[in-house]
mmCIF file of all heavy atoms, coordinates in Angstrom:
data_MODEL
# 
_entry.id   MODEL 
# 
loop_
_atom_site.group_PDB 
_atom_site.id 
_atom_site.type_symbol 
_atom_site.label_atom_id 
_atom_site.label_alt_id 
_atom_site.label_comp_id 
_atom_site.label_asym_id 
_atom_site.label_entity_id 
_atom_site.label_seq_id 
_atom_site.pdbx_PDB_ins_code 
_atom_site.Cartn_x 
_atom_site.Cartn_y 
_atom_site.Cartn_z 
_atom_site.occupancy 
_atom_site.B_iso_or_equiv 
_atom_site.pdbx_formal_charge 
_atom_site.auth_seq_id 
_atom_site.auth_comp_id 
_atom_site.auth_asym_id 
_atom_site.auth_atom_id 
_atom_site.pdbx_PDB_model_num 
ATOM 1   N N   . GLU A 1 1  ? 71.426 -19.634 31.221 1.00 0.00 ? 1  GLU A N   1 
ATOM 2   C CA  . GLU A 1 1  ? 70.662 -20.835 31.568 1.00 0.00 ? 1  GLU A CA  1 
ATOM 3   C C   . GLU A 1 1  ? 71.408 -21.626 32.658 1.00 0.00 ? 1  GLU A C   1 
ATOM 4   O O   . GLU A 1 1  ? 72.624 -21.752 32.608 1.00 0.00 ? 1  GLU A O   1 
ATOM 5   C CB  . GLU A 1 1  ? 70.430 -21.751 30.351 1.00 0.00 ? 1  GLU A CB  1 
ATOM 6   C CG  . GLU A 1 1  ? 69.491 -21.157 29.308 1.00 0.00 ? 1  GLU A CG  1 
ATOM 7   C CD  . GLU A 1 1  ? 69.253 -22.113 28.160 1.00 0.00 ? 1  GLU A CD  1 
ATOM 8   O OE1 . GLU A 1 1  ? 69.746 -23.265 28.280 1.00 0.00 ? 1  GLU A OE1 1 
ATOM 9   O OE2 . GLU A 1 1  ? 68.493 -21.763 27.252 1.00 0.00 ? 1  GLU A OE2 1 
ATOM 10  N N   . THR A 1 2  ? 70.638 -22.212 33.569 1.00 0.00 ? 2  THR A N   1 
ATOM 11  C CA  . THR A 1 2  ? 71.218 -23.081 34.576 1.00 0.00 ? 2  THR A CA  1 
ATOM 12  C C   . THR A 1 2  ? 71.393 -24.377 33.948 1.00 0.00 ? 2  THR A C   1 
ATOM 13  O O   . THR A 1 2  ? 70.975 -24.727 32.894 1.00 0.00 ? 2  THR A O   1 
ATOM 14  C CB  . THR A 1 2  ? 70.309 -23.170 35.801 1.00 0.00 ? 2  THR A CB  1 
ATOM 15  O OG1 . THR A 1 2  ? 69.074 -23.674 35.420 1.00 0.00 ? 2  THR A OG1 1 
ATOM 16  C CG2 . THR A 1 2  ? 70.108 -21.775 36.463 1.00 0.00 ? 2  THR A CG2 1 
ATOM 17  N N   . GLY A 1 3  ? 72.002 -25.308 34.728 1.00 0.00 ? 3  GLY A N   1 
ATOM 18  C CA  . GLY A 1 3  ? 72.320 -26.643 34.165 1.00 0.00 ? 3  GLY A CA  1 
ATOM 19  C C   . GLY A 1 3  ? 73.824 -26.886 34.483 1.00 0.00 ? 3  GLY A C   1 
ATOM 20  O O   . GLY A 1 3  ? 74.549 -26.047 34.963 1.00 0.00 ? 3  GLY A O   1 
ATOM 21  N N   . THR A 1 4  ? 74.280 -28.106 34.197 1.00 0.00 ? 4  THR A N   1 
ATOM 22  C CA  . THR A 1 4  ? 75.592 -28.450 34.498 1.00 0.00 ? 4  THR A CA  1 
ATOM 23  C C   . THR A 1 4  ? 76.483 -27.974 33.401 1.00 0.00 ? 4  THR A C   1 
ATOM 24  O O   . THR A 1 4  ? 76.416 -28.254 32.193 1.00 0.00 ? 4  THR A O   1 
ATOM 25  C CB  . THR A 1 4  ? 75.769 -29.966 34.494 1.00 0.00 ? 4  THR A CB  1 
ATOM 26  O OG1 . THR A 1 4  ? 74.873 -30.513 35.534 1.00 0.00 ? 4  THR A OG1 1 
ATOM 27  C CG2 . THR A 1 4  ? 77.184 -30.410 34.867 1.00 0.00 ? 4  THR A CG2 1 
ATOM 28  N N   . PRO A 1 5  ? 77.465 -27.025 33.734 1.00 0.00 ? 5  PRO A N   1 
ATOM 29  C CA  . PRO A 1 5  ? 78.329 -26.461 32.735 1.00 0.00 ? 5  PRO A CA  1 
ATOM 30  C C   . PRO A 1 5  ? 79.418 -27.513 32.310 1.00 0.00 ? 5  PRO A C   1 
ATOM 31  O O   . PRO A 1 5  ? 79.875 -28.224 33.146 1.00 0.00 ? 5  PRO A O   1 
ATOM 32  C CB  . PRO A 1 5  ? 78.945 -25.251 33.462 1.00 0.00 ? 5  PRO A CB  1 
ATOM 33  C CG  . PRO A 1 5  ? 78.916 -25.627 34.888 1.00 0.00 ? 5  PRO A CG  1 
ATOM 34  C CD  . PRO A 1 5  ? 77.657 -26.447 35.073 1.00 0.00 ? 5  PRO A CD  1 
ATOM 35  N N   . GLU A 1 6  ? 79.751 -27.495 31.038 1.00 0.00 ? 6  GLU A N   1 
ATOM 36  C CA  . GLU A 1 6  ? 80.824 -28.393 30.598 1.00 0.00 ? 6  GLU A CA  1 
ATOM 37  C C   . GLU A 1 6  ? 82.203 -27.775 30.858 1.00 0.00 ? 6  GLU A C   1 
ATOM 38  O O   . GLU A 1 6  ? 82.431 -26.562 30.715 1.00 0.00 ? 6  GLU A O   1 
ATOM 39  C CB  . GLU A 1 6  ? 80.703 -28.606 29.115 1.00 0.00 ? 6  GLU A CB  1 
ATOM 40  C CG  . GLU A 1 6  ? 79.411 -29.296 28.669 1.00 0.00 ? 6  GLU A CG  1 
ATOM 41  C CD  . GLU A 1 6  ? 79.377 -30.777 29.040 1.00 0.00 ? 6  GLU A CD  1 
ATOM 42  O OE1 . GLU A 1 6  ? 80.528 -31.366 29.255 1.00 0.00 ? 6  GLU A OE1 1 
ATOM 43  O OE2 . GLU A 1 6  ? 78.267 -31.286 29.207 1.00 0.00 ? 6  GLU A OE2 1 
ATOM 44  N N   . ALA A 1 7  ? 83.121 -28.619 31.373 1.00 0.00 ? 7  ALA A N   1 
ATOM 45  C CA  . ALA A 1 7  ? 84.453 -28.174 31.496 1.00 0.00 ? 7  ALA A CA  1 
ATOM 46  C C   . ALA A 1 7  ? 85.077 -28.031 30.087 1.00 0.00 ? 7  ALA A C   1 
ATOM 47  O O   . ALA A 1 7  ? 85.078 -28.977 29.307 1.00 0.00 ? 7  ALA A O   1 
ATOM 48  C CB  . ALA A 1 7  ? 85.281 -29.117 32.370 1.00 0.00 ? 7  ALA A CB  1 
ATOM 49  N N   . VAL A 1 8  ? 85.684 -26.869 29.734 1.00 0.00 ? 8  VAL A N   1 
ATOM 50  C CA  . VAL A 1 8  ? 86.110 -26.612 28.387 1.00 0.00 ? 8  VAL A CA  1 
ATOM 51  C C   . VAL A 1 8  ? 87.631 -26.837 28.267 1.00 0.00 ? 8  VAL A C   1 
ATOM 52  O O   . VAL A 1 8  ? 88.394 -26.724 29.220 1.00 0.00 ? 8  VAL A O   1 
ATOM 53  C CB  . VAL A 1 8  ? 85.726 -25.209 27.941 1.00 0.00 ? 8  VAL A CB  1 
ATOM 54  C CG1 . VAL A 1 8  ? 84.272 -24.955 28.068 1.00 0.00 ? 8  VAL A CG1 1 
ATOM 55  C CG2 . VAL A 1 8  ? 86.491 -24.158 28.763 1.00 0.00 ? 8  VAL A CG2 1 
ATOM 56  N N   . GLY A 1 9  ? 88.030 -27.088 27.039 1.00 0.00 ? 9  GLY A N   1 
ATOM 57  C CA  . GLY A 1 9  ? 89.477 -27.182 26.677 1.00 0.00 ? 9  GLY A CA  1 
ATOM 58  C C   . GLY A 1 9  ? 89.855 -25.775 26.268 1.00 0.00 ? 9  GLY A C   1 
ATOM 59  O O   . GLY A 1 9  ? 89.360 -24.758 26.704 1.00 0.00 ? 9  GLY A O   1 
ATOM 60  N N   . PHE A 1 10 ? 90.838 -25.681 25.331 1.00 0.00 ? 10 PHE A N   1 
ATOM 61  C CA  . PHE A 1 10 ? 91.291 -24.347 24.813 1.00 0.00 ? 10 PHE A CA  1 
ATOM 62  C C   . PHE A 1 10 ? 90.024 -23.677 24.212 1.00 0.00 ? 10 PHE A C   1 
ATOM 63  O O   . PHE A 1 10 ? 89.223 -24.293 23.530 1.00 0.00 ? 10 PHE A O   1 
ATOM 64  C CB  . PHE A 1 10 ? 92.344 -24.546 23.805 1.00 0.00 ? 10 PHE A CB  1 
ATOM 65  C CG  . PHE A 1 10 ? 93.690 -25.048 24.271 1.00 0.00 ? 10 PHE A CG  1 
ATOM 66  C CD1 . PHE A 1 10 ? 94.470 -25.871 23.594 1.00 0.00 ? 10 PHE A CD1 1 
ATOM 67  C CD2 . PHE A 1 10 ? 94.117 -24.641 25.599 1.00 0.00 ? 10 PHE A CD2 1 
ATOM 68  C CE1 . PHE A 1 10 ? 95.659 -26.378 24.055 1.00 0.00 ? 10 PHE A CE1 1 
ATOM 69  C CE2 . PHE A 1 10 ? 95.312 -25.129 26.091 1.00 0.00 ? 10 PHE A CE2 1 
ATOM 70  C CZ  . PHE A 1 10 ? 96.048 -25.946 25.291 1.00 0.00 ? 10 PHE A CZ  1 
ATOM 71  N N   . PHE A 1 11 ? 89.935 -22.338 24.441 1.00 0.00 ? 11 PHE A N   1 
ATOM 72  C CA  . PHE A 1 11 ? 88.723 -21.612 24.066 1.00 0.00 ? 11 PHE A CA  1 
ATOM 73  C C   . PHE A 1 11 ? 89.083 -20.254 23.567 1.00 0.00 ? 11 PHE A C   1 
ATOM 74  O O   . PHE A 1 11 ? 90.116 -19.664 23.975 1.00 0.00 ? 11 PHE A O   1 
ATOM 75  C CB  . PHE A 1 11 ? 87.677 -21.577 25.112 1.00 0.00 ? 11 PHE A CB  1 
ATOM 76  C CG  . PHE A 1 11 ? 88.184 -20.829 26.401 1.00 0.00 ? 11 PHE A CG  1 
ATOM 77  C CD1 . PHE A 1 11 ? 87.972 -19.469 26.529 1.00 0.00 ? 11 PHE A CD1 1 
ATOM 78  C CD2 . PHE A 1 11 ? 88.795 -21.518 27.401 1.00 0.00 ? 11 PHE A CD2 1 
ATOM 79  C CE1 . PHE A 1 11 ? 88.427 -18.775 27.690 1.00 0.00 ? 11 PHE A CE1 1 
ATOM 80  C CE2 . PHE A 1 11 ? 89.227 -20.835 28.501 1.00 0.00 ? 11 PHE A CE2 1 
ATOM 81  C CZ  . PHE A 1 11 ? 89.019 -19.490 28.682 1.00 0.00 ? 11 PHE A CZ  1 
ATOM 82  N N   . ASP A 1 12 ? 88.279 -19.717 22.697 1.00 0.00 ? 12 ASP A N   1 
ATOM 83  C CA  . ASP A 1 12 ? 88.353 -18.374 22.211 1.00 0.00 ? 12 ASP A CA  1 
ATOM 84  C C   . ASP A 1 12 ? 86.954 -17.873 21.969 1.00 0.00 ? 12 ASP A C   1 
ATOM 85  O O   . ASP A 1 12 ? 86.327 -18.256 20.965 1.00 0.00 ? 12 ASP A O   1 
ATOM 86  C CB  . ASP A 1 12 ? 89.176 -18.329 20.879 1.00 0.00 ? 12 ASP A CB  1 
ATOM 87  C CG  . ASP A 1 12 ? 89.500 -16.862 20.449 1.00 0.00 ? 12 ASP A CG  1 
ATOM 88  O OD1 . ASP A 1 12 ? 88.994 -15.917 21.150 1.00 0.00 ? 12 ASP A OD1 1 
ATOM 89  O OD2 . ASP A 1 12 ? 90.169 -16.667 19.438 1.00 0.00 ? 12 ASP A OD2 1 
ATOM 90  N N   . ILE A 1 13 ? 86.424 -17.120 22.889 1.00 0.00 ? 13 ILE A N   1 
ATOM 91  C CA  . ILE A 1 13 ? 84.977 -16.793 22.953 1.00 0.00 ? 13 ILE A CA  1 
ATOM 92  C C   . ILE A 1 13 ? 84.717 -15.336 22.834 1.00 0.00 ? 13 ILE A C   1 
ATOM 93  O O   . ILE A 1 13 ? 85.316 -14.510 23.546 1.00 0.00 ? 13 ILE A O   1 
ATOM 94  C CB  . ILE A 1 13 ? 84.371 -17.329 24.274 1.00 0.00 ? 13 ILE A CB  1 
ATOM 95  C CG1 . ILE A 1 13 ? 84.556 -18.844 24.372 1.00 0.00 ? 13 ILE A CG1 1 
ATOM 96  C CG2 . ILE A 1 13 ? 82.852 -16.970 24.421 1.00 0.00 ? 13 ILE A CG2 1 
ATOM 97  C CD1 . ILE A 1 13 ? 84.129 -19.421 25.761 1.00 0.00 ? 13 ILE A CD1 1 
ATOM 98  N N   . SER A 1 14 ? 83.792 -14.977 21.946 1.00 0.00 ? 14 SER A N   1 
ATOM 99  C CA  . SER A 1 14 ? 83.364 -13.555 21.803 1.00 0.00 ? 14 SER A CA  1 
ATOM 100 C C   . SER A 1 14 ? 81.869 -13.384 22.075 1.00 0.00 ? 14 SER A C   1 
ATOM 101 O O   . SER A 1 14 ? 81.327 -12.349 21.825 1.00 0.00 ? 14 SER A O   1 
ATOM 102 C CB  . SER A 1 14 ? 83.723 -13.033 20.405 1.00 0.00 ? 14 SER A CB  1 
ATOM 103 O OG  . SER A 1 14 ? 83.106 -13.858 19.410 1.00 0.00 ? 14 SER A OG  1 
ATOM 104 N N   . PHE A 1 15 ? 81.171 -14.484 22.616 1.00 0.00 ? 15 PHE A N   1 
ATOM 105 C CA  . PHE A 1 15 ? 79.806 -14.443 23.011 1.00 0.00 ? 15 PHE A CA  1 
ATOM 106 C C   . PHE A 1 15 ? 78.813 -14.116 21.886 1.00 0.00 ? 15 PHE A C   1 
ATOM 107 O O   . PHE A 1 15 ? 77.685 -13.764 22.104 1.00 0.00 ? 15 PHE A O   1 
ATOM 108 C CB  . PHE A 1 15 ? 79.631 -13.479 24.198 1.00 0.00 ? 15 PHE A CB  1 
ATOM 109 C CG  . PHE A 1 15 ? 80.549 -13.765 25.351 1.00 0.00 ? 15 PHE A CG  1 
ATOM 110 C CD1 . PHE A 1 15 ? 81.594 -12.911 25.617 1.00 0.00 ? 15 PHE A CD1 1 
ATOM 111 C CD2 . PHE A 1 15 ? 80.330 -14.889 26.109 1.00 0.00 ? 15 PHE A CD2 1 
ATOM 112 C CE1 . PHE A 1 15 ? 82.459 -13.208 26.619 1.00 0.00 ? 15 PHE A CE1 1 
ATOM 113 C CE2 . PHE A 1 15 ? 81.170 -15.183 27.170 1.00 0.00 ? 15 PHE A CE2 1 
ATOM 114 C CZ  . PHE A 1 15 ? 82.267 -14.342 27.440 1.00 0.00 ? 15 PHE A CZ  1 
ATOM 115 N N   . GLU A 1 16 ? 79.205 -14.335 20.653 1.00 0.00 ? 16 GLU A N   1 
ATOM 116 C CA  . GLU A 1 16 ? 78.252 -14.189 19.539 1.00 0.00 ? 16 GLU A CA  1 
ATOM 117 C C   . GLU A 1 16 ? 77.271 -15.292 19.491 1.00 0.00 ? 16 GLU A C   1 
ATOM 118 O O   . GLU A 1 16 ? 76.143 -15.145 18.891 1.00 0.00 ? 16 GLU A O   1 
ATOM 119 C CB  . GLU A 1 16 ? 79.106 -14.134 18.240 1.00 0.00 ? 16 GLU A CB  1 
ATOM 120 C CG  . GLU A 1 16 ? 80.051 -12.983 18.127 1.00 0.00 ? 16 GLU A CG  1 
ATOM 121 C CD  . GLU A 1 16 ? 79.440 -11.601 18.314 1.00 0.00 ? 16 GLU A CD  1 
ATOM 122 O OE1 . GLU A 1 16 ? 78.562 -11.237 17.571 1.00 0.00 ? 16 GLU A OE1 1 
ATOM 123 O OE2 . GLU A 1 16 ? 79.830 -10.983 19.316 1.00 0.00 ? 16 GLU A OE2 1 
ATOM 124 N N   . GLU A 1 17 ? 77.556 -16.448 20.185 1.00 0.00 ? 17 GLU A N   1 
ATOM 125 C CA  . GLU A 1 17 ? 76.632 -17.569 20.222 1.00 0.00 ? 17 GLU A CA  1 
ATOM 126 C C   . GLU A 1 17 ? 76.103 -17.792 21.624 1.00 0.00 ? 17 GLU A C   1 
ATOM 127 O O   . GLU A 1 17 ? 75.715 -18.915 21.946 1.00 0.00 ? 17 GLU A O   1 
ATOM 128 C CB  . GLU A 1 17 ? 77.286 -18.814 19.678 1.00 0.00 ? 17 GLU A CB  1 
ATOM 129 C CG  . GLU A 1 17 ? 77.761 -18.686 18.205 1.00 0.00 ? 17 GLU A CG  1 
ATOM 130 C CD  . GLU A 1 17 ? 78.505 -19.880 17.723 1.00 0.00 ? 17 GLU A CD  1 
ATOM 131 O OE1 . GLU A 1 17 ? 78.553 -20.930 18.493 1.00 0.00 ? 17 GLU A OE1 1 
ATOM 132 O OE2 . GLU A 1 17 ? 79.054 -19.867 16.614 1.00 0.00 ? 17 GLU A OE2 1 
ATOM 133 N N   . GLY A 1 18 ? 76.085 -16.775 22.509 1.00 0.00 ? 18 GLY A N   1 
ATOM 134 C CA  . GLY A 1 18 ? 75.605 -16.973 23.835 1.00 0.00 ? 18 GLY A CA  1 
ATOM 135 C C   . GLY A 1 18 ? 76.729 -17.016 24.882 1.00 0.00 ? 18 GLY A C   1 
ATOM 136 O O   . GLY A 1 18 ? 77.862 -16.622 24.589 1.00 0.00 ? 18 GLY A O   1 
ATOM 137 N N   . ALA A 1 19 ? 76.421 -17.531 26.033 1.00 0.00 ? 19 ALA A N   1 
ATOM 138 C CA  . ALA A 1 19 ? 77.373 -17.580 27.127 1.00 0.00 ? 19 ALA A CA  1 
ATOM 139 C C   . ALA A 1 19 ? 78.540 -18.506 26.963 1.00 0.00 ? 19 ALA A C   1 
ATOM 140 O O   . ALA A 1 19 ? 79.580 -18.322 27.508 1.00 0.00 ? 19 ALA A O   1 
ATOM 141 C CB  . ALA A 1 19 ? 76.680 -17.850 28.475 1.00 0.00 ? 19 ALA A CB  1 
ATOM 142 N N   . GLN A 1 20 ? 78.284 -19.569 26.202 1.00 0.00 ? 20 GLN A N   1 
ATOM 143 C CA  . GLN A 1 20 ? 79.301 -20.526 25.838 1.00 0.00 ? 20 GLN A CA  1 
ATOM 144 C C   . GLN A 1 20 ? 80.111 -21.047 26.990 1.00 0.00 ? 20 GLN A C   1 
ATOM 145 O O   . GLN A 1 20 ? 81.367 -21.065 26.941 1.00 0.00 ? 20 GLN A O   1 
ATOM 146 C CB  . GLN A 1 20 ? 80.229 -19.898 24.752 1.00 0.00 ? 20 GLN A CB  1 
ATOM 147 C CG  . GLN A 1 20 ? 79.519 -19.627 23.441 1.00 0.00 ? 20 GLN A CG  1 
ATOM 148 C CD  . GLN A 1 20 ? 80.379 -18.929 22.444 1.00 0.00 ? 20 GLN A CD  1 
ATOM 149 O OE1 . GLN A 1 20 ? 80.310 -17.728 22.180 1.00 0.00 ? 20 GLN A OE1 1 
ATOM 150 N NE2 . GLN A 1 20 ? 81.268 -19.673 21.765 1.00 0.00 ? 20 GLN A NE2 1 
ATOM 151 N N   . GLY A 1 21 ? 79.421 -21.473 28.064 1.00 0.00 ? 21 GLY A N   1 
ATOM 152 C CA  . GLY A 1 21 ? 80.083 -22.106 29.176 1.00 0.00 ? 21 GLY A CA  1 
ATOM 153 C C   . GLY A 1 21 ? 80.366 -21.232 30.378 1.00 0.00 ? 21 GLY A C   1 
ATOM 154 O O   . GLY A 1 21 ? 80.712 -21.710 31.389 1.00 0.00 ? 21 GLY A O   1 
ATOM 155 N N   . TRP A 1 22 ? 80.163 -19.904 30.239 1.00 0.00 ? 22 TRP A N   1 
ATOM 156 C CA  . TRP A 1 22 ? 80.357 -19.008 31.383 1.00 0.00 ? 22 TRP A CA  1 
ATOM 157 C C   . TRP A 1 22 ? 79.130 -19.005 32.260 1.00 0.00 ? 22 TRP A C   1 
ATOM 158 O O   . TRP A 1 22 ? 78.016 -19.012 31.775 1.00 0.00 ? 22 TRP A O   1 
ATOM 159 C CB  . TRP A 1 22 ? 80.693 -17.544 30.844 1.00 0.00 ? 22 TRP A CB  1 
ATOM 160 C CG  . TRP A 1 22 ? 82.077 -17.456 30.348 1.00 0.00 ? 22 TRP A CG  1 
ATOM 161 C CD1 . TRP A 1 22 ? 82.555 -17.820 29.100 1.00 0.00 ? 22 TRP A CD1 1 
ATOM 162 C CD2 . TRP A 1 22 ? 83.212 -17.023 31.031 1.00 0.00 ? 22 TRP A CD2 1 
ATOM 163 N NE1 . TRP A 1 22 ? 83.913 -17.652 29.010 1.00 0.00 ? 22 TRP A NE1 1 
ATOM 164 C CE2 . TRP A 1 22 ? 84.315 -17.141 30.176 1.00 0.00 ? 22 TRP A CE2 1 
ATOM 165 C CE3 . TRP A 1 22 ? 83.402 -16.536 32.344 1.00 0.00 ? 22 TRP A CE3 1 
ATOM 166 C CZ2 . TRP A 1 22 ? 85.639 -16.784 30.566 1.00 0.00 ? 22 TRP A CZ2 1 
ATOM 167 C CZ3 . TRP A 1 22 ? 84.709 -16.171 32.743 1.00 0.00 ? 22 TRP A CZ3 1 
ATOM 168 C CH2 . TRP A 1 22 ? 85.808 -16.249 31.864 1.00 0.00 ? 22 TRP A CH2 1 
ATOM 169 N N   . ILE A 1 23 ? 79.363 -18.996 33.560 1.00 0.00 ? 23 ILE A N   1 
ATOM 170 C CA  . ILE A 1 23 ? 78.308 -19.114 34.555 1.00 0.00 ? 23 ILE A CA  1 
ATOM 171 C C   . ILE A 1 23 ? 78.411 -18.060 35.620 1.00 0.00 ? 23 ILE A C   1 
ATOM 172 O O   . ILE A 1 23 ? 79.494 -17.517 35.796 1.00 0.00 ? 23 ILE A O   1 
ATOM 173 C CB  . ILE A 1 23 ? 78.271 -20.523 35.164 1.00 0.00 ? 23 ILE A CB  1 
ATOM 174 C CG1 . ILE A 1 23 ? 79.607 -20.771 35.903 1.00 0.00 ? 23 ILE A CG1 1 
ATOM 175 C CG2 . ILE A 1 23 ? 78.005 -21.610 34.179 1.00 0.00 ? 23 ILE A CG2 1 
ATOM 176 C CD1 . ILE A 1 23 ? 79.660 -22.046 36.721 1.00 0.00 ? 23 ILE A CD1 1 
ATOM 177 N N   . PRO A 1 24 ? 77.325 -17.725 36.308 1.00 0.00 ? 24 PRO A N   1 
ATOM 178 C CA  . PRO A 1 24 ? 77.464 -16.760 37.438 1.00 0.00 ? 24 PRO A CA  1 
ATOM 179 C C   . PRO A 1 24 ? 78.307 -17.310 38.573 1.00 0.00 ? 24 PRO A C   1 
ATOM 180 O O   . PRO A 1 24 ? 78.327 -18.518 38.775 1.00 0.00 ? 24 PRO A O   1 
ATOM 181 C CB  . PRO A 1 24 ? 75.960 -16.551 37.868 1.00 0.00 ? 24 PRO A CB  1 
ATOM 182 C CG  . PRO A 1 24 ? 75.160 -17.187 36.855 1.00 0.00 ? 24 PRO A CG  1 
ATOM 183 C CD  . PRO A 1 24 ? 75.980 -18.203 36.190 1.00 0.00 ? 24 PRO A CD  1 
ATOM 184 N N   . ARG A 1 25 ? 78.984 -16.441 39.200 1.00 0.00 ? 25 ARG A N   1 
ATOM 185 C CA  . ARG A 1 25 ? 79.736 -16.766 40.425 1.00 0.00 ? 25 ARG A CA  1 
ATOM 186 C C   . ARG A 1 25 ? 79.221 -15.960 41.615 1.00 0.00 ? 25 ARG A C   1 
ATOM 187 O O   . ARG A 1 25 ? 79.183 -14.746 41.532 1.00 0.00 ? 25 ARG A O   1 
ATOM 188 C CB  . ARG A 1 25 ? 81.245 -16.481 40.186 1.00 0.00 ? 25 ARG A CB  1 
ATOM 189 C CG  . ARG A 1 25 ? 82.113 -16.804 41.449 1.00 0.00 ? 25 ARG A CG  1 
ATOM 190 C CD  . ARG A 1 25 ? 83.546 -16.587 41.125 1.00 0.00 ? 25 ARG A CD  1 
ATOM 191 N NE  . ARG A 1 25 ? 84.393 -16.654 42.352 1.00 0.00 ? 25 ARG A NE  1 
ATOM 192 C CZ  . ARG A 1 25 ? 84.758 -17.799 42.968 1.00 0.00 ? 25 ARG A CZ  1 
ATOM 193 N NH1 . ARG A 1 25 ? 84.417 -18.946 42.434 1.00 0.00 ? 25 ARG A NH1 1 
ATOM 194 N NH2 . ARG A 1 25 ? 85.452 -17.782 44.078 1.00 0.00 ? 25 ARG A NH2 1 
ATOM 195 N N   . GLY A 1 26 ? 78.789 -16.611 42.693 1.00 0.00 ? 26 GLY A N   1 
ATOM 196 C CA  . GLY A 1 26 ? 78.167 -15.920 43.802 1.00 0.00 ? 26 GLY A CA  1 
ATOM 197 C C   . GLY A 1 26 ? 76.846 -15.446 43.434 1.00 0.00 ? 26 GLY A C   1 
ATOM 198 O O   . GLY A 1 26 ? 76.016 -16.137 42.668 1.00 0.00 ? 26 GLY A O   1 
# 
């Protein structure tokens, strides 16, 4: 989804709940 991504603190992501802050580049 587009929209303003949140700047995250320490993270440990396995994408079980979606993109979780990751966005396309280029």
